[in-house]
Amino acid sequence: MNAGLAEELAKRHDVTVLTSRAFDLPKDAVENGVRVFRVPVFFRRQKASANLPSMLAYLFTGAWGARILSKQGSFDIINTHFALPSGPLGRFLGRMWRIPNVLSVHGGDLYDPSKKSSPHRHAFLRSVVRNLALRADSVVAQSKDTLANLHRFFAPELPAELIPLGIPRQNTGNANRADYGFANTDVLLLTIGRLVGRKAVDQLIDAVAELGDEHVKLLVVGSGPLTDALEARARALGLADRVRFMGLVEERTKLDLLSIADLFVSTSQHEGFGLVFLEAMAAGLPIICYDKGGQVDFLKDEETGFVVPLNDRREFLHRLRGLTKDASARVSMGESNQQLVEEFYIENCAKQYEDLFSKVIGDRLTDQHDEQRLHDDRPERV
């Protein structure tokens, strides 16, 4: 479950998150009112990304962890996030506890064009996802793009819900550029995300090289399996002092970096939704990205920044060069983004989930009552 959503729901409900445990994360903790119960997984090498063996292990350790939780209290509903790998576990627990299971699909668990293992490419995985979706009490897609992929590849007849993700209201950082080694004359580009093939961060590094402006700097926030290769690419292009790899950062540091940046950039090949775009909008940043993914639900070309056709690197560079040189346009677009983001704050997302949960629980109780009445009305055999 999205952390912000869980925290917002926890203001009015008891919320427990069952998830996997990576490295030094605590096994059982209460974080912002949410109980987070983490089970061990095997073979995981990075905190920022899982691998197939660790995801398979989670199905078994998650069932073990759920058994422990069930001895400590009962639950009214399960909200399973991601069809794969979490879907089978959510389905199993819903049947075992005889409570509704709402399946939330997020994009990458259905469609990832950068991965050969993406479920949409394989008949067996398509059948698994289809079965999970059809057997869930309700399915939620986070964007029109995710909903379209669900219908296109898996279950065209499924009447799924559309509930966008949201971000919590936070005080944007008020950092000093000098604290991070930047000057006021620098134009700071910021990108945030896991360093994996789908994010195509190498394109951003190439774009900085092609701009040829020593005042334009790129801040890369995140880590992943491509970190070393991307750092080597920046060095090879002579950009060691203009491309700064920040690694995984704390929330406070992320807000600081958003506050000192001038422009948010992304060359991601696909996003199921794109929460980082909303965070950038809330910080008053214009955005340049591609047009593939859920972000097109709320990003508008020439209004929120520029939405460029997928992998049109020439157009991306053209738009990037224009905004790095036009400070007034950046300010105007950024101020507009702060107004547009209002409808995507987490309280709106949580309210829609609460309404859905209430309906699903009510429907289940009605079904159980009808089943019991039919059973009671059956004539006894003599």
Protein backbone atom coordinates (compact mmCIF):
# COMPACT_ATOMS: atom_id res chain seq x y z
CA MET A 1 0.00 0.00 0.00
CA ASN A 2 1.17 3.52 -0.79
CA ALA A 3 2.63 4.93 2.44
CA GLY A 4 0.66 8.18 2.25
CA LEU A 5 -2.61 6.32 1.66
CA ALA A 6 -1.97 4.01 4.60
CA GLU A 7 -1.20 6.95 6.90
CA GLU A 8 -4.31 8.85 5.83
CA LEU A 9 -6.54 5.79 6.36
CA ALA A 10 -4.90 5.16 9.75
CA LYS A 11 -6.34 8.45 11.03
CA ARG A 12 -9.78 6.77 11.09
CA HIS A 13 -9.08 3.02 10.95
CA ASP A 14 -6.69 0.37 12.23
CA VAL A 15 -4.33 -0.29 9.34
CA THR A 16 -1.72 -3.05 9.15
CA VAL A 17 0.68 -3.33 6.23
CA LEU A 18 2.18 -6.75 5.51
CA THR A 19 5.29 -6.44 3.36
CA SER A 20 8.75 -7.87 2.82
CA ARG A 21 11.74 -7.07 4.99
CA ALA A 22 14.91 -5.81 3.38
CA PHE A 23 18.25 -5.41 5.14
CA ASP A 24 18.08 -3.31 8.33
CA LEU A 25 14.37 -2.46 8.24
CA PRO A 26 12.55 -3.33 11.49
CA LYS A 27 10.45 -6.49 11.62
CA ASP A 28 7.46 -4.94 13.40
CA ALA A 29 6.95 -1.22 13.88
CA VAL A 30 4.31 1.49 14.07
CA GLU A 31 5.10 4.21 11.56
CA ASN A 32 2.87 7.30 11.49
CA GLY A 33 -0.01 5.37 13.00
CA VAL A 34 0.37 2.38 10.66
CA ARG A 35 1.55 -1.01 11.86
CA VAL A 36 4.13 -2.29 9.39
CA PHE A 37 4.83 -6.01 9.71
CA ARG A 38 7.76 -7.14 7.57
CA VAL A 39 8.55 -10.76 6.78
CA PRO A 40 11.98 -11.98 5.67
CA VAL A 41 12.71 -12.80 2.05
CA PHE A 42 15.70 -14.55 0.58
CA PHE A 43 18.19 -13.65 -2.15
CA ARG A 44 17.39 -9.92 -2.13
CA ARG A 45 20.51 -7.91 -2.99
CA GLN A 46 19.21 -4.32 -3.06
CA LYS A 47 16.84 -2.31 -0.90
CA ALA A 48 15.49 -0.36 -3.88
CA SER A 49 14.51 -3.34 -6.02
CA ALA A 50 13.53 -6.98 -5.60
CA ASN A 51 14.38 -9.95 -7.80
CA LEU A 52 12.36 -12.97 -8.86
CA PRO A 53 13.61 -15.37 -6.13
CA SER A 54 12.85 -12.84 -3.38
CA MET A 55 9.38 -12.15 -4.78
CA LEU A 56 8.57 -15.86 -4.91
CA ALA A 57 9.84 -16.27 -1.36
CA TYR A 58 7.49 -13.51 -0.21
CA LEU A 59 4.46 -15.61 -1.13
CA PHE A 60 5.48 -18.17 1.49
CA THR A 61 6.94 -15.91 4.19
CA GLY A 62 3.98 -13.55 3.72
CA ALA A 63 1.56 -16.41 4.43
CA TRP A 64 3.59 -17.23 7.55
CA GLY A 65 3.48 -13.60 8.65
CA ALA A 66 -0.27 -13.40 8.04
CA ARG A 67 -0.75 -16.43 10.27
CA ILE A 68 0.97 -14.57 13.09
CA LEU A 69 -1.17 -11.48 12.51
CA SER A 70 -4.39 -13.51 12.48
CA LYS A 71 -3.65 -14.77 16.01
CA GLN A 72 -3.41 -11.18 17.22
CA GLY A 73 -6.72 -9.92 15.85
CA SER A 74 -9.18 -9.98 12.97
CA PHE A 75 -9.44 -7.91 9.82
CA ASP A 76 -12.39 -6.56 7.84
CA ILE A 77 -10.81 -6.24 4.39
CA ILE A 78 -7.60 -6.87 2.47
CA ASN A 79 -6.24 -4.37 -0.01
CA THR A 80 -3.66 -6.20 -2.12
CA HIS A 81 -1.30 -3.93 -4.01
CA PHE A 82 0.21 -5.29 -7.26
CA ALA A 83 -1.21 -8.30 -9.08
CA LEU A 84 2.27 -9.82 -9.12
CA PRO A 85 3.84 -10.86 -6.87
CA SER A 86 1.38 -9.94 -4.09
CA GLY A 87 -1.85 -11.00 -5.80
CA PRO A 88 -1.81 -14.73 -5.03
CA LEU A 89 -1.09 -14.03 -1.35
CA GLY A 90 -3.96 -11.54 -1.09
CA ARG A 91 -6.29 -14.00 -2.80
CA PHE A 92 -5.23 -16.80 -0.44
CA LEU A 93 -5.69 -14.68 2.68
CA GLY A 94 -9.08 -13.42 1.57
CA ARG A 95 -10.33 -16.97 1.17
CA MET A 96 -8.71 -18.17 4.40
CA TRP A 97 -10.12 -15.33 6.50
CA ARG A 98 -13.40 -15.14 4.54
CA ILE A 99 -13.13 -11.38 4.05
CA PRO A 100 -13.17 -9.22 0.88
CA ASN A 101 -9.98 -8.70 -1.12
CA VAL A 102 -9.60 -5.49 -3.16
CA LEU A 103 -6.81 -5.74 -5.73
CA SER A 104 -4.99 -2.51 -6.66
CA VAL A 105 -2.92 -2.71 -9.85
CA HIS A 106 -0.22 -0.12 -10.41
CA GLY A 107 1.20 -0.47 -13.90
CA GLY A 108 4.51 -2.29 -13.71
CA ASP A 109 2.81 -5.43 -12.40
CA LEU A 110 0.84 -5.53 -15.66
CA TYR A 111 2.96 -3.82 -18.28
CA ASP A 112 6.64 -2.94 -18.36
CA PRO A 113 7.99 -2.49 -21.90
CA SER A 114 11.60 -2.61 -20.68
CA LYS A 115 11.33 -6.15 -19.26
CA LYS A 116 11.15 -9.44 -21.11
CA SER A 117 9.49 -10.85 -18.00
CA SER A 118 6.62 -8.33 -18.09
CA PRO A 119 3.33 -10.21 -17.48
CA HIS A 120 1.69 -8.84 -20.63
CA ARG A 121 4.23 -10.73 -22.78
CA HIS A 122 3.53 -14.23 -21.44
CA ALA A 123 0.38 -16.32 -21.81
CA PHE A 124 0.81 -18.06 -18.44
CA LEU A 125 1.30 -14.81 -16.52
CA ARG A 126 -1.58 -13.21 -18.39
CA SER A 127 -3.82 -16.06 -17.28
CA VAL A 128 -2.63 -15.72 -13.66
CA VAL A 129 -3.30 -11.98 -13.57
CA ARG A 130 -6.65 -12.45 -15.29
CA ASN A 131 -7.72 -15.06 -12.75
CA LEU A 132 -6.65 -12.88 -9.81
CA ALA A 133 -8.48 -9.85 -11.20
CA LEU A 134 -11.72 -11.70 -11.95
CA ARG A 135 -11.77 -13.37 -8.53
CA ALA A 136 -11.06 -10.21 -6.53
CA ASP A 137 -14.03 -8.49 -4.88
CA SER A 138 -13.01 -5.32 -6.68
CA VAL A 139 -10.08 -4.13 -8.80
CA VAL A 140 -8.63 -0.62 -8.69
CA ALA A 141 -6.46 0.90 -11.41
CA GLN A 142 -4.49 4.02 -10.60
CA SER A 143 -4.60 5.63 -14.05
CA LYS A 144 -6.40 5.45 -17.39
CA ASP A 145 -3.24 3.92 -18.86
CA THR A 146 -3.17 1.13 -16.27
CA LEU A 147 -6.89 0.53 -16.75
CA ALA A 148 -6.41 0.33 -20.51
CA ASN A 149 -3.59 -2.21 -20.13
CA LEU A 150 -5.70 -4.27 -17.72
CA HIS A 151 -8.48 -4.45 -20.32
CA ARG A 152 -6.20 -4.83 -23.32
CA PHE A 153 -4.04 -7.70 -22.08
CA PHE A 154 -5.89 -9.40 -19.24
CA ALA A 155 -9.61 -8.92 -18.62
CA PRO A 156 -11.48 -6.75 -21.15
CA GLU A 157 -14.84 -7.50 -19.52
CA LEU A 158 -13.80 -6.47 -15.99
CA PRO A 159 -15.58 -3.37 -14.55
CA ALA A 160 -12.60 -2.01 -12.60
CA GLU A 161 -12.51 1.18 -10.53
CA LEU A 162 -10.28 4.16 -11.36
CA ILE A 163 -8.77 5.82 -8.28
CA PRO A 164 -5.68 7.99 -8.81
CA LEU A 165 -2.84 7.95 -6.34
CA GLY A 166 -2.21 10.97 -4.17
CA ILE A 167 0.55 12.69 -2.24
CA PRO A 168 0.49 13.96 1.35
CA ARG A 169 0.55 17.66 2.02
CA GLN A 170 4.04 18.53 3.19
CA ASN A 171 6.02 21.65 3.78
CA THR A 172 8.36 21.83 0.82
CA GLY A 173 11.97 22.11 1.85
CA ASN A 174 13.62 25.49 2.09
CA ALA A 175 17.21 24.43 1.54
CA ASN A 176 20.18 26.57 0.68
CA ARG A 177 21.79 25.63 -2.63
CA ALA A 178 25.23 26.28 -1.21
CA ASP A 179 24.66 23.46 1.33
CA TYR A 180 24.58 21.05 -1.61
CA GLY A 181 27.45 22.64 -3.49
CA PHE A 182 25.43 24.55 -6.10
CA ALA A 183 25.39 28.21 -7.07
CA ASN A 184 22.39 30.46 -7.64
CA THR A 185 23.46 30.78 -11.28
CA ASP A 186 23.12 27.02 -11.82
CA VAL A 187 20.04 25.60 -13.54
CA LEU A 188 19.24 22.44 -11.63
CA LEU A 189 17.47 19.54 -13.32
CA LEU A 190 16.06 16.89 -10.99
CA THR A 191 14.98 13.32 -11.64
CA ILE A 192 13.80 10.82 -9.02
CA GLY A 193 13.36 7.07 -9.39
CA ARG A 194 14.96 3.64 -9.35
CA LEU A 195 17.94 3.34 -11.62
CA VAL A 196 16.58 0.60 -13.86
CA GLY A 197 16.26 0.27 -17.62
CA ARG A 198 12.68 1.52 -17.74
CA LYS A 199 13.72 4.93 -16.41
CA ALA A 200 16.22 5.47 -19.28
CA VAL A 201 18.32 7.88 -17.19
CA ASP A 202 21.12 7.48 -19.73
CA GLN A 203 19.06 9.67 -22.05
CA LEU A 204 19.08 12.47 -19.48
CA ILE A 205 22.84 12.24 -19.11
CA ASP A 206 23.23 12.41 -22.88
CA ALA A 207 20.91 15.42 -23.01
CA VAL A 208 23.01 17.32 -20.46
CA ALA A 209 26.08 16.61 -22.57
CA GLU A 210 24.34 17.84 -25.74
CA LEU A 211 23.16 21.06 -24.06
CA GLY A 212 26.80 22.01 -23.57
CA ASP A 213 25.92 24.53 -20.84
CA GLU A 214 28.20 24.33 -17.83
CA HIS A 215 25.55 25.97 -15.63
CA VAL A 216 23.03 23.16 -16.23
CA LYS A 217 23.39 20.43 -13.59
CA LEU A 218 21.49 17.15 -13.25
CA LEU A 219 20.61 15.68 -9.85
CA VAL A 220 19.79 11.97 -9.96
CA VAL A 221 17.94 10.75 -6.85
CA GLY A 222 17.58 7.00 -6.42
CA SER A 223 19.57 3.81 -6.71
CA GLY A 224 19.36 0.52 -8.53
CA PRO A 225 21.22 -2.05 -10.59
CA LEU A 226 22.32 0.53 -13.22
CA THR A 227 23.96 2.95 -10.78
CA ASP A 228 27.55 2.01 -11.63
CA ALA A 229 26.93 2.00 -15.39
CA LEU A 230 25.26 5.42 -15.30
CA GLU A 231 28.01 6.93 -13.21
CA ALA A 232 30.57 5.55 -15.67
CA ARG A 233 28.61 7.06 -18.57
CA ALA A 234 28.64 10.50 -16.92
CA ARG A 235 32.40 10.30 -16.35
CA ALA A 236 33.04 9.17 -19.93
CA LEU A 237 31.13 12.21 -21.21
CA GLY A 238 33.12 14.55 -18.97
CA LEU A 239 30.09 15.29 -16.77
CA ALA A 240 31.38 14.16 -13.40
CA ASP A 241 30.92 17.69 -12.02
CA ARG A 242 27.54 18.31 -13.75
CA VAL A 243 25.70 15.06 -13.03
CA ARG A 244 25.33 14.42 -9.30
CA PHE A 245 24.19 10.98 -8.14
CA MET A 246 22.47 11.48 -4.79
CA GLY A 247 21.55 7.83 -4.14
CA LEU A 248 18.63 6.94 -1.88
CA VAL A 249 17.76 9.91 0.30
CA GLU A 250 15.58 10.58 3.31
CA GLU A 251 12.22 12.29 2.78
CA ARG A 252 13.53 15.55 4.22
CA THR A 253 16.45 15.56 1.80
CA LYS A 254 14.14 14.83 -1.13
CA LEU A 255 11.99 17.83 -0.23
CA ASP A 256 15.13 19.97 0.05
CA LEU A 257 16.24 18.92 -3.43
CA LEU A 258 12.78 19.65 -4.85
CA SER A 259 12.96 23.11 -3.32
CA ILE A 260 16.30 24.02 -4.89
CA ALA A 261 15.62 22.49 -8.32
CA ASP A 262 14.47 24.51 -11.34
CA LEU A 263 12.97 21.76 -13.48
CA PHE A 264 11.85 18.15 -13.08
CA VAL A 265 12.83 15.84 -15.93
CA SER A 266 12.03 12.22 -16.75
CA THR A 267 12.79 9.96 -19.68
CA SER A 268 10.91 7.00 -18.21
CA GLN A 269 9.62 4.66 -20.88
CA HIS A 270 6.41 4.03 -18.97
CA GLU A 271 4.84 4.99 -15.64
CA GLY A 272 1.79 3.34 -14.15
CA PHE A 273 0.97 6.65 -12.50
CA GLY A 274 3.98 8.75 -11.52
CA LEU A 275 3.75 10.10 -7.96
CA VAL A 276 7.07 11.89 -8.39
CA PHE A 277 5.46 14.14 -10.98
CA LEU A 278 2.85 15.22 -8.43
CA GLU A 279 5.58 15.86 -5.86
CA ALA A 280 7.40 18.04 -8.39
CA MET A 281 4.18 19.93 -9.18
CA ALA A 282 3.57 20.55 -5.45
CA ALA A 283 7.09 21.97 -5.22
CA GLY A 284 6.31 24.40 -8.03
CA LEU A 285 8.45 22.77 -10.71
CA PRO A 286 7.63 22.53 -14.42
CA ILE A 287 8.00 19.03 -15.87
CA ILE A 288 9.42 17.60 -19.08
CA CYS A 289 8.67 13.93 -19.73
CA TYR A 290 7.49 11.45 -22.33
CA ASP A 291 3.85 10.77 -23.16
CA LYS A 292 3.74 7.08 -22.22
CA GLY A 293 2.04 6.21 -18.95
CA GLY A 294 -0.41 7.30 -16.31
CA GLN A 295 1.12 10.76 -15.92
CA VAL A 296 -0.74 11.93 -19.02
CA ASP A 297 -3.91 11.88 -16.88
CA PHE A 298 -2.74 15.08 -15.20
CA LEU A 299 0.22 16.47 -17.20
CA LYS A 300 -0.65 18.74 -20.12
CA ASP A 301 1.76 19.76 -22.87
CA GLU A 302 2.70 23.46 -22.73
CA GLU A 303 0.74 23.87 -19.47
CA THR A 304 2.47 21.78 -16.81
CA GLY A 305 5.68 21.79 -18.85
CA PHE A 306 6.16 19.68 -21.94
CA VAL A 307 4.92 16.16 -22.70
CA VAL A 308 7.08 14.83 -25.51
CA PRO A 309 6.36 11.84 -27.81
CA LEU A 310 8.05 8.72 -26.48
CA ASN A 311 11.79 8.65 -27.27
CA ASP A 312 11.68 11.75 -29.49
CA ARG A 313 15.05 12.77 -28.11
CA ARG A 314 15.43 15.73 -30.46
CA GLU A 315 12.14 17.26 -29.30
CA PHE A 316 13.00 16.50 -25.67
CA LEU A 317 16.32 18.31 -26.05
CA HIS A 318 14.63 21.24 -27.79
CA ARG A 319 12.12 21.67 -24.97
CA LEU A 320 14.81 21.19 -22.34
CA ARG A 321 17.05 23.81 -23.90
CA GLY A 322 14.16 26.27 -24.07
CA LEU A 323 13.18 25.95 -20.41
CA THR A 324 16.73 26.04 -19.10
CA LYS A 325 17.07 29.46 -20.74
CA ASP A 326 13.62 30.84 -19.84
CA ALA A 327 13.35 31.42 -16.10
CA SER A 328 10.04 33.30 -16.35
CA ALA A 329 8.38 30.37 -18.17
CA ARG A 330 9.63 28.00 -15.46
CA VAL A 331 8.14 30.19 -12.74
CA SER A 332 4.81 30.58 -14.53
CA MET A 333 4.42 26.85 -15.19
CA GLY A 334 5.51 26.00 -11.66
CA GLU A 335 2.92 28.30 -10.09
CA SER A 336 0.22 26.78 -12.29
CA ASN A 337 1.30 23.27 -11.24
CA GLN A 338 0.86 24.13 -7.56
CA GLN A 339 -2.78 24.91 -8.27
CA LEU A 340 -3.41 21.90 -10.50
CA VAL A 341 -2.02 19.43 -7.96
CA GLU A 342 -4.70 20.29 -5.38
CA GLU A 343 -7.08 17.52 -6.51
CA PHE A 344 -4.35 14.89 -6.15
CA TYR A 345 -3.61 15.23 -2.46
CA ILE A 346 -3.85 12.02 -0.47
CA GLU A 347 -7.05 12.88 1.43
CA ASN A 348 -9.01 12.73 -1.82
CA CYS A 349 -7.50 9.37 -2.76
CA ALA A 350 -8.19 7.96 0.72
CA LYS A 351 -11.83 9.07 0.67
CA GLN A 352 -12.42 7.20 -2.60
CA TYR A 353 -10.80 4.06 -1.16
CA GLU A 354 -12.88 4.33 2.01
CA ASP A 355 -16.09 4.56 -0.01
CA LEU A 356 -15.07 1.52 -2.05
CA PHE A 357 -14.10 -0.51 1.03
CA SER A 358 -17.44 0.26 2.68
CA LYS A 359 -19.33 -0.84 -0.41
CA VAL A 360 -17.34 -4.05 -0.83
CA ILE A 361 -17.73 -5.00 2.85
CA GLY A 362 -21.44 -4.25 2.67
CA ASP A 363 -21.85 -6.34 -0.47
CA ARG A 364 -20.05 -9.27 1.16
CA LEU A 365 -22.25 -9.12 4.27
CA THR A 366 -25.37 -9.00 2.07
CA ASP A 367 -24.19 -12.03 0.10
CA GLN A 368 -23.46 -13.95 3.28
CA HIS A 369 -26.87 -13.07 4.69
CA ASP A 370 -28.60 -14.19 1.48
CA GLU A 371 -26.66 -17.47 1.49
CA GLN A 372 -27.62 -18.12 5.11
CA ARG A 373 -31.29 -17.35 4.39
CA LEU A 374 -31.32 -19.75 1.44
CA HIS A 375 -29.76 -22.40 3.64
CA ASP A 376 -32.33 -21.85 6.39
CA ASP A 377 -35.22 -22.00 3.89
CA ARG A 378 -34.22 -25.38 2.50
CA PRO A 379 -36.64 -28.15 3.49
CA GLU A 380 -35.21 -30.76 5.77
CA ARG A 381 -34.80 -34.26 4.40
CA VAL A 382 -36.58 -37.02 6.23
